[in-house]
Amino acid sequence: MFAYKKVTVSLKDNVIEELVALSKAWAEEYTCPAYNANDPGEFVNHDVYLVTDEGKAVAYALGHVYVM
C-alpha cells in the first residue's frame, strides 16, 4: 500500500540514497530530455513529497510550497 508524506531531508537520512537512485533511473529513461538527475545536495533542507510502498521510496516530488 502506498503512503504519502512530506519530509525534510538531511545528508544523514537513509532515504537520500533511494531518492538519488530514483532520480538517476528517471534521467536514464530519457522520457523528458530536459530532466537531469538530482545530486544528493539538491535534496538537503528541501521539502520532499515522498511516496513509499512497504517502506521503500517509489516516487517523489522535490520543491517548495509558497503561500501568497
C-alpha atoms as a PDB file:
ATOM      1  CA  MET A   1       0.000   0.000   0.000  1.00  0.00           C
ATOM      2  CA  PHE A   2       1.279   3.441  -0.874  1.00  0.00           C
ATOM      3  CA  ALA A   3       1.978   6.006   1.823  1.00  0.00           C
ATOM      4  CA  TYR A   4       2.461   9.704   1.186  1.00  0.00           C
ATOM      5  CA  LYS A   5       4.364  12.118   3.391  1.00  0.00           C
ATOM      6  CA  LYS A   6       6.264  15.373   3.341  1.00  0.00           C
ATOM      7  CA  VAL A   7       9.829  15.116   4.638  1.00  0.00           C
ATOM      8  CA  THR A   8      12.784  17.454   5.026  1.00  0.00           C
ATOM      9  CA  VAL A   9      15.945  15.606   4.042  1.00  0.00           C
ATOM     10  CA  SER A  10      19.394  15.801   5.618  1.00  0.00           C
ATOM     11  CA  LEU A  11      22.594  14.156   4.398  1.00  0.00           C
ATOM     12  CA  LYS A  12      22.304  11.679   7.294  1.00  0.00           C
ATOM     13  CA  ASP A  13      18.943  10.331   6.093  1.00  0.00           C
ATOM     14  CA  ASN A  14      18.902   6.837   4.613  1.00  0.00           C
ATOM     15  CA  VAL A  15      16.199   7.878   2.172  1.00  0.00           C
ATOM     16  CA  ILE A  16      18.620  10.127   0.290  1.00  0.00           C
ATOM     17  CA  GLU A  17      20.198   7.101  -1.424  1.00  0.00           C
ATOM     18  CA  GLU A  18      16.769   5.954  -2.607  1.00  0.00           C
ATOM     19  CA  LEU A  19      15.937   9.443  -3.891  1.00  0.00           C
ATOM     20  CA  VAL A  20      19.196   9.694  -5.845  1.00  0.00           C
ATOM     21  CA  ALA A  21      18.641   6.219  -7.334  1.00  0.00           C
ATOM     22  CA  LEU A  22      15.113   7.142  -8.450  1.00  0.00           C
ATOM     23  CA  SER A  23      16.345  10.394  -9.932  1.00  0.00           C
ATOM     24  CA  LYS A  24      19.092   8.620 -11.865  1.00  0.00           C
ATOM     25  CA  ALA A  25      16.682   5.983 -13.177  1.00  0.00           C
ATOM     26  CA  TRP A  26      14.262   8.655 -14.396  1.00  0.00           C
ATOM     27  CA  ALA A  27      17.080  10.530 -16.154  1.00  0.00           C
ATOM     28  CA  GLU A  28      18.195   7.315 -17.871  1.00  0.00           C
ATOM     29  CA  GLU A  29      14.648   6.713 -19.158  1.00  0.00           C
ATOM     30  CA  TYR A  30      15.074   9.928 -21.187  1.00  0.00           C
ATOM     31  CA  THR A  31      11.321  10.492 -21.398  1.00  0.00           C
ATOM     32  CA  CYS A  32      11.932  14.204 -20.835  1.00  0.00           C
ATOM     33  CA  PRO A  33      15.139  15.480 -22.472  1.00  0.00           C
ATOM     34  CA  ALA A  34      15.282  18.472 -20.130  1.00  0.00           C
ATOM     35  CA  TYR A  35      15.318  16.289 -16.984  1.00  0.00           C
ATOM     36  CA  ASN A  36      18.656  15.875 -15.237  1.00  0.00           C
ATOM     37  CA  ALA A  37      19.298  13.588 -12.296  1.00  0.00           C
ATOM     38  CA  ASN A  38      19.446  15.275  -8.904  1.00  0.00           C
ATOM     39  CA  ASP A  39      22.583  15.047  -6.813  1.00  0.00           C
ATOM     40  CA  PRO A  40      22.296  14.454  -3.052  1.00  0.00           C
ATOM     41  CA  GLY A  41      22.845  18.096  -2.166  1.00  0.00           C
ATOM     42  CA  GLU A  42      19.714  19.139  -4.041  1.00  0.00           C
ATOM     43  CA  PHE A  43      17.543  17.213  -1.583  1.00  0.00           C
ATOM     44  CA  VAL A  44      19.123  18.594   1.597  1.00  0.00           C
ATOM     45  CA  ASN A  45      16.976  21.069   3.531  1.00  0.00           C
ATOM     46  CA  HIS A  46      14.257  20.972   0.888  1.00  0.00           C
ATOM     47  CA  ASP A  47      10.715  19.728   1.120  1.00  0.00           C
ATOM     48  CA  VAL A  48      10.336  16.309  -0.481  1.00  0.00           C
ATOM     49  CA  TYR A  49       6.897  14.859  -1.026  1.00  0.00           C
ATOM     50  CA  LEU A  50       7.630  11.165  -0.757  1.00  0.00           C
ATOM     51  CA  VAL A  51       5.641   8.133  -1.870  1.00  0.00           C
ATOM     52  CA  THR A  52       6.609   4.845  -0.263  1.00  0.00           C
ATOM     53  CA  ASP A  53       5.464   1.289  -0.808  1.00  0.00           C
ATOM     54  CA  GLU A  54       6.204  -1.131   2.019  1.00  0.00           C
ATOM     55  CA  GLY A  55       8.756   1.324   3.399  1.00  0.00           C
ATOM     56  CA  LYS A  56      10.659   1.799   0.124  1.00  0.00           C
ATOM     57  CA  ALA A  57      10.665   5.117  -1.781  1.00  0.00           C
ATOM     58  CA  VAL A  58       8.935   4.685  -5.145  1.00  0.00           C
ATOM     59  CA  ALA A  59       8.322   8.304  -6.171  1.00  0.00           C
ATOM     60  CA  TYR A  60       8.890  11.852  -5.013  1.00  0.00           C
ATOM     61  CA  ALA A  61       8.330  15.487  -5.819  1.00  0.00           C
ATOM     62  CA  LEU A  62      11.017  17.971  -4.863  1.00  0.00           C
ATOM     63  CA  GLY A  63      10.211  21.609  -4.317  1.00  0.00           C
ATOM     64  CA  HIS A  64       8.888  24.362  -2.134  1.00  0.00           C
ATOM     65  CA  VAL A  65       5.373  25.363  -1.332  1.00  0.00           C
ATOM     66  CA  TYR A  66       4.832  29.104  -1.154  1.00  0.00           C
ATOM     67  CA  VAL A  67       1.650  30.616   0.150  1.00  0.00           C
ATOM     68  CA  MET A  68       0.864  34.091  -1.058  1.00  0.00           C
END
